[in-house]
């Protein structure tokens, strides 16, 4: 099923891409690839959550962070669509880079970024399988718990 139709089947509406918060653009085409800037888990212009991921009081749970990684991936797809016109042009998800603002004791970054990876599998099927990095960091912009960027191949 084409990606745009699959998104509709999943009940996902891609948001409008907000203006950049710095000196960058949300996505850029180079040859047959589109690379997105890092995307945060914004919903209707607001961060879904802030803080570090881990176990304990005042921390974002890994389960919640996984949902936020999915949201960030949805925003990255919106950025890609903004330059491609349609996600039906995507022929391969090449790479996902996910950053997790982590409590020093937290080592479950791959499980958090699975939220993004699983979404891409749902949307693109077999061509959604990709290489990936899941990196723990001390802090992310605006105190977001996760950030996701994509590299997609297209025709």
C-alpha atoms as a PDB file:
ATOM      1  CA  UNK A   1       0.000   0.000   0.000  1.00  0.00           C
ATOM      2  CA  UNK A   2       1.381   3.468  -0.818  1.00  0.00           C
ATOM      3  CA  UNK A   3       2.782   5.321   2.193  1.00  0.00           C
ATOM      4  CA  UNK A   4       0.261   8.158   2.102  1.00  0.00           C
ATOM      5  CA  UNK A   5      -2.637   5.671   2.051  1.00  0.00           C
ATOM      6  CA  UNK A   6      -1.008   3.633   4.818  1.00  0.00           C
ATOM      7  CA  UNK A   7      -0.760   6.740   7.003  1.00  0.00           C
ATOM      8  CA  UNK A   8      -4.494   7.324   6.490  1.00  0.00           C
ATOM      9  CA  UNK A   9      -5.190   3.653   7.291  1.00  0.00           C
ATOM     10  CA  UNK A  10      -3.245   4.073  10.544  1.00  0.00           C
ATOM     11  CA  UNK A  11      -5.220   7.222  11.364  1.00  0.00           C
ATOM     12  CA  UNK A  12      -2.116   9.414  11.177  1.00  0.00           C
ATOM     13  CA  UNK A  13      -2.366  12.934   9.807  1.00  0.00           C
ATOM     14  CA  UNK A  14       1.013  14.525   9.229  1.00  0.00           C
ATOM     15  CA  UNK A  15       1.245  17.988  10.792  1.00  0.00           C
ATOM     16  CA  UNK A  16       2.262  21.156   9.022  1.00  0.00           C
ATOM     17  CA  UNK A  17       6.000  21.683   9.305  1.00  0.00           C
ATOM     18  CA  UNK A  18       6.744  24.570  11.670  1.00  0.00           C
ATOM     19  CA  UNK A  19       9.215  27.288  10.828  1.00  0.00           C
ATOM     20  CA  UNK A  20      12.739  26.339  11.939  1.00  0.00           C
ATOM     21  CA  UNK A  21      13.846  27.522  15.370  1.00  0.00           C
ATOM     22  CA  UNK A  22      17.357  28.244  14.092  1.00  0.00           C
ATOM     23  CA  UNK A  23      19.560  28.594  11.033  1.00  0.00           C
ATOM     24  CA  UNK A  24      18.545  25.387   9.245  1.00  0.00           C
ATOM     25  CA  UNK A  25      15.780  23.932   7.082  1.00  0.00           C
ATOM     26  CA  UNK A  26      13.506  21.027   8.110  1.00  0.00           C
ATOM     27  CA  UNK A  27      14.584  18.761   5.227  1.00  0.00           C
ATOM     28  CA  UNK A  28      16.961  18.845   2.296  1.00  0.00           C
ATOM     29  CA  UNK A  29      17.210  16.805  -0.887  1.00  0.00           C
ATOM     30  CA  UNK A  30      20.623  15.598  -2.039  1.00  0.00           C
ATOM     31  CA  UNK A  31      20.613  13.413  -5.125  1.00  0.00           C
ATOM     32  CA  UNK A  32      18.116  10.631  -4.453  1.00  0.00           C
ATOM     33  CA  UNK A  33      18.055  11.127  -0.678  1.00  0.00           C
ATOM     34  CA  UNK A  34      16.132  13.393   1.630  1.00  0.00           C
ATOM     35  CA  UNK A  35      17.623  14.099   5.050  1.00  0.00           C
ATOM     36  CA  UNK A  36      15.545  15.632   7.796  1.00  0.00           C
ATOM     37  CA  UNK A  37      16.693  17.895  10.550  1.00  0.00           C
ATOM     38  CA  UNK A  38      16.270  16.451  14.023  1.00  0.00           C
ATOM     39  CA  UNK A  39      12.590  16.506  14.946  1.00  0.00           C
ATOM     40  CA  UNK A  40      11.141  16.780  18.437  1.00  0.00           C
ATOM     41  CA  UNK A  41       7.845  15.333  19.701  1.00  0.00           C
ATOM     42  CA  UNK A  42       5.708  18.392  19.027  1.00  0.00           C
ATOM     43  CA  UNK A  43       1.921  18.113  18.987  1.00  0.00           C
ATOM     44  CA  UNK A  44       0.000  21.182  17.825  1.00  0.00           C
ATOM     45  CA  UNK A  45       3.066  23.352  18.333  1.00  0.00           C
ATOM     46  CA  UNK A  46       3.783  22.174  21.893  1.00  0.00           C
ATOM     47  CA  UNK A  47       6.274  19.617  23.181  1.00  0.00           C
ATOM     48  CA  UNK A  48       4.457  16.489  24.328  1.00  0.00           C
ATOM     49  CA  UNK A  49       6.807  16.295  27.332  1.00  0.00           C
ATOM     50  CA  UNK A  50      10.088  17.561  28.708  1.00  0.00           C
ATOM     51  CA  UNK A  51      12.786  16.001  30.827  1.00  0.00           C
ATOM     52  CA  UNK A  52      15.190  13.117  30.962  1.00  0.00           C
ATOM     53  CA  UNK A  53      14.275   9.480  30.366  1.00  0.00           C
ATOM     54  CA  UNK A  54      14.756   6.865  33.054  1.00  0.00           C
ATOM     55  CA  UNK A  55      13.168   5.171  36.030  1.00  0.00           C
ATOM     56  CA  UNK A  56      12.253   7.200  39.057  1.00  0.00           C
ATOM     57  CA  UNK A  57      10.441  10.277  40.210  1.00  0.00           C
ATOM     58  CA  UNK A  58      10.476  13.302  37.905  1.00  0.00           C
ATOM     59  CA  UNK A  59      11.751  11.258  34.930  1.00  0.00           C
ATOM     60  CA  UNK A  60      10.021  10.453  31.643  1.00  0.00           C
ATOM     61  CA  UNK A  61       9.272   6.725  31.599  1.00  0.00           C
ATOM     62  CA  UNK A  62      10.817   4.638  28.819  1.00  0.00           C
ATOM     63  CA  UNK A  63       7.300   3.670  27.677  1.00  0.00           C
ATOM     64  CA  UNK A  64       6.263   7.321  27.366  1.00  0.00           C
ATOM     65  CA  UNK A  65       9.557   8.185  25.662  1.00  0.00           C
ATOM     66  CA  UNK A  66       8.911   5.441  23.085  1.00  0.00           C
ATOM     67  CA  UNK A  67       5.588   7.144  22.234  1.00  0.00           C
ATOM     68  CA  UNK A  68       7.411  10.483  21.959  1.00  0.00           C
ATOM     69  CA  UNK A  69       9.943   8.918  19.562  1.00  0.00           C
ATOM     70  CA  UNK A  70       6.992   7.848  17.406  1.00  0.00           C
ATOM     71  CA  UNK A  71       5.687  11.441  17.456  1.00  0.00           C
ATOM     72  CA  UNK A  72       9.110  12.777  16.517  1.00  0.00           C
ATOM     73  CA  UNK A  73       9.238  10.323  13.596  1.00  0.00           C
ATOM     74  CA  UNK A  74       5.799  11.512  12.451  1.00  0.00           C
ATOM     75  CA  UNK A  75       7.168  15.059  12.471  1.00  0.00           C
ATOM     76  CA  UNK A  76      10.226  13.903  10.509  1.00  0.00           C
ATOM     77  CA  UNK A  77       7.938  12.307   7.902  1.00  0.00           C
ATOM     78  CA  UNK A  78       6.089  15.617   7.652  1.00  0.00           C
ATOM     79  CA  UNK A  79       9.406  17.392   7.028  1.00  0.00           C
ATOM     80  CA  UNK A  80      10.314  14.864   4.331  1.00  0.00           C
ATOM     81  CA  UNK A  81       6.910  15.215   2.680  1.00  0.00           C
ATOM     82  CA  UNK A  82       7.332  18.991   2.649  1.00  0.00           C
ATOM     83  CA  UNK A  83      10.165  18.648   0.121  1.00  0.00           C
ATOM     84  CA  UNK A  84       9.019  15.487  -1.683  1.00  0.00           C
ATOM     85  CA  UNK A  85       5.368  16.420  -2.118  1.00  0.00           C
ATOM     86  CA  UNK A  86       4.305  12.872  -1.241  1.00  0.00           C
ATOM     87  CA  UNK A  87       5.792  10.034   0.787  1.00  0.00           C
ATOM     88  CA  UNK A  88       4.749   7.650  -1.991  1.00  0.00           C
ATOM     89  CA  UNK A  89       8.067   8.600  -3.665  1.00  0.00           C
ATOM     90  CA  UNK A  90      10.072   6.939  -0.858  1.00  0.00           C
ATOM     91  CA  UNK A  91      11.794   3.762  -2.048  1.00  0.00           C
ATOM     92  CA  UNK A  92      13.770   2.997   1.126  1.00  0.00           C
ATOM     93  CA  UNK A  93      14.188   4.182   4.692  1.00  0.00           C
ATOM     94  CA  UNK A  94      17.977   4.286   4.852  1.00  0.00           C
ATOM     95  CA  UNK A  95      18.826   5.478   8.359  1.00  0.00           C
ATOM     96  CA  UNK A  96      17.246   6.628  11.592  1.00  0.00           C
ATOM     97  CA  UNK A  97      19.234   8.562  14.173  1.00  0.00           C
ATOM     98  CA  UNK A  98      17.562   8.874  17.535  1.00  0.00           C
ATOM     99  CA  UNK A  99      18.721  10.854  20.545  1.00  0.00           C
ATOM    100  CA  UNK A 100      17.394  10.204  24.039  1.00  0.00           C
ATOM    101  CA  UNK A 101      17.913  12.720  26.848  1.00  0.00           C
ATOM    102  CA  UNK A 102      18.947  10.154  29.428  1.00  0.00           C
ATOM    103  CA  UNK A 103      19.261   9.951  33.166  1.00  0.00           C
ATOM    104  CA  UNK A 104      22.864   8.805  33.827  1.00  0.00           C
ATOM    105  CA  UNK A 105      21.661   5.338  34.896  1.00  0.00           C
ATOM    106  CA  UNK A 106      19.425   4.798  31.839  1.00  0.00           C
ATOM    107  CA  UNK A 107      20.706   2.411  29.147  1.00  0.00           C
ATOM    108  CA  UNK A 108      17.487   1.602  27.275  1.00  0.00           C
ATOM    109  CA  UNK A 109      17.909   4.033  24.384  1.00  0.00           C
ATOM    110  CA  UNK A 110      17.316   1.354  21.700  1.00  0.00           C
ATOM    111  CA  UNK A 111      13.924   0.487  23.191  1.00  0.00           C
ATOM    112  CA  UNK A 112      12.913   4.143  23.177  1.00  0.00           C
ATOM    113  CA  UNK A 113      13.902   4.689  19.541  1.00  0.00           C
ATOM    114  CA  UNK A 114      11.972   1.558  18.608  1.00  0.00           C
ATOM    115  CA  UNK A 115       8.974   3.901  18.707  1.00  0.00           C
ATOM    116  CA  UNK A 116      10.301   5.586  15.571  1.00  0.00           C
ATOM    117  CA  UNK A 117      11.507   2.375  13.924  1.00  0.00           C
ATOM    118  CA  UNK A 118       8.233   0.542  14.464  1.00  0.00           C
ATOM    119  CA  UNK A 119       6.258   3.448  12.987  1.00  0.00           C
ATOM    120  CA  UNK A 120       8.415   3.394   9.848  1.00  0.00           C
ATOM    121  CA  UNK A 121       7.790  -0.340   9.493  1.00  0.00           C
ATOM    122  CA  UNK A 122       4.036   0.230   9.820  1.00  0.00           C
ATOM    123  CA  UNK A 123       4.054   2.993   7.209  1.00  0.00           C
ATOM    124  CA  UNK A 124       6.514   1.598   4.655  1.00  0.00           C
ATOM    125  CA  UNK A 125       6.460  -2.171   5.189  1.00  0.00           C
ATOM    126  CA  UNK A 126       9.646  -3.986   4.083  1.00  0.00           C
ATOM    127  CA  UNK A 127      11.267  -0.829   2.660  1.00  0.00           C
ATOM    128  CA  UNK A 128      10.969   0.672   6.157  1.00  0.00           C
ATOM    129  CA  UNK A 129      13.739  -1.588   7.524  1.00  0.00           C
ATOM    130  CA  UNK A 130      16.747   0.648   8.176  1.00  0.00           C
ATOM    131  CA  UNK A 131      20.123   1.166   9.769  1.00  0.00           C
ATOM    132  CA  UNK A 132      19.916   3.051  13.059  1.00  0.00           C
ATOM    133  CA  UNK A 133      21.745   4.783  15.880  1.00  0.00           C
ATOM    134  CA  UNK A 134      20.133   5.245  19.311  1.00  0.00           C
ATOM    135  CA  UNK A 135      22.234   7.656  21.336  1.00  0.00           C
ATOM    136  CA  UNK A 136      21.913   8.751  24.947  1.00  0.00           C
ATOM    137  CA  UNK A 137      22.644  12.435  25.512  1.00  0.00           C
ATOM    138  CA  UNK A 138      22.698  14.766  28.512  1.00  0.00           C
ATOM    139  CA  UNK A 139      20.129  17.240  27.176  1.00  0.00           C
ATOM    140  CA  UNK A 140      18.203  18.026  23.989  1.00  0.00           C
ATOM    141  CA  UNK A 141      16.803  21.309  22.638  1.00  0.00           C
ATOM    142  CA  UNK A 142      13.935  22.742  24.712  1.00  0.00           C
ATOM    143  CA  UNK A 143      14.530  19.923  27.247  1.00  0.00           C
ATOM    144  CA  UNK A 144      12.813  17.436  24.904  1.00  0.00           C
ATOM    145  CA  UNK A 145      13.128  13.769  25.918  1.00  0.00           C
ATOM    146  CA  UNK A 146      13.794  12.534  22.346  1.00  0.00           C
ATOM    147  CA  UNK A 147      14.849  13.750  18.909  1.00  0.00           C
ATOM    148  CA  UNK A 148      14.682  11.796  15.635  1.00  0.00           C
ATOM    149  CA  UNK A 149      16.173  12.404  12.191  1.00  0.00           C
ATOM    150  CA  UNK A 150      15.669  10.383   9.020  1.00  0.00           C
ATOM    151  CA  UNK A 151      17.478   9.659   5.789  1.00  0.00           C
ATOM    152  CA  UNK A 152      15.136   8.419   3.071  1.00  0.00           C
ATOM    153  CA  UNK A 153      15.835   7.323  -0.500  1.00  0.00           C
ATOM    154  CA  UNK A 154      13.313   8.302  -3.152  1.00  0.00           C
ATOM    155  CA  UNK A 155      12.620   8.074  -6.856  1.00  0.00           C
END
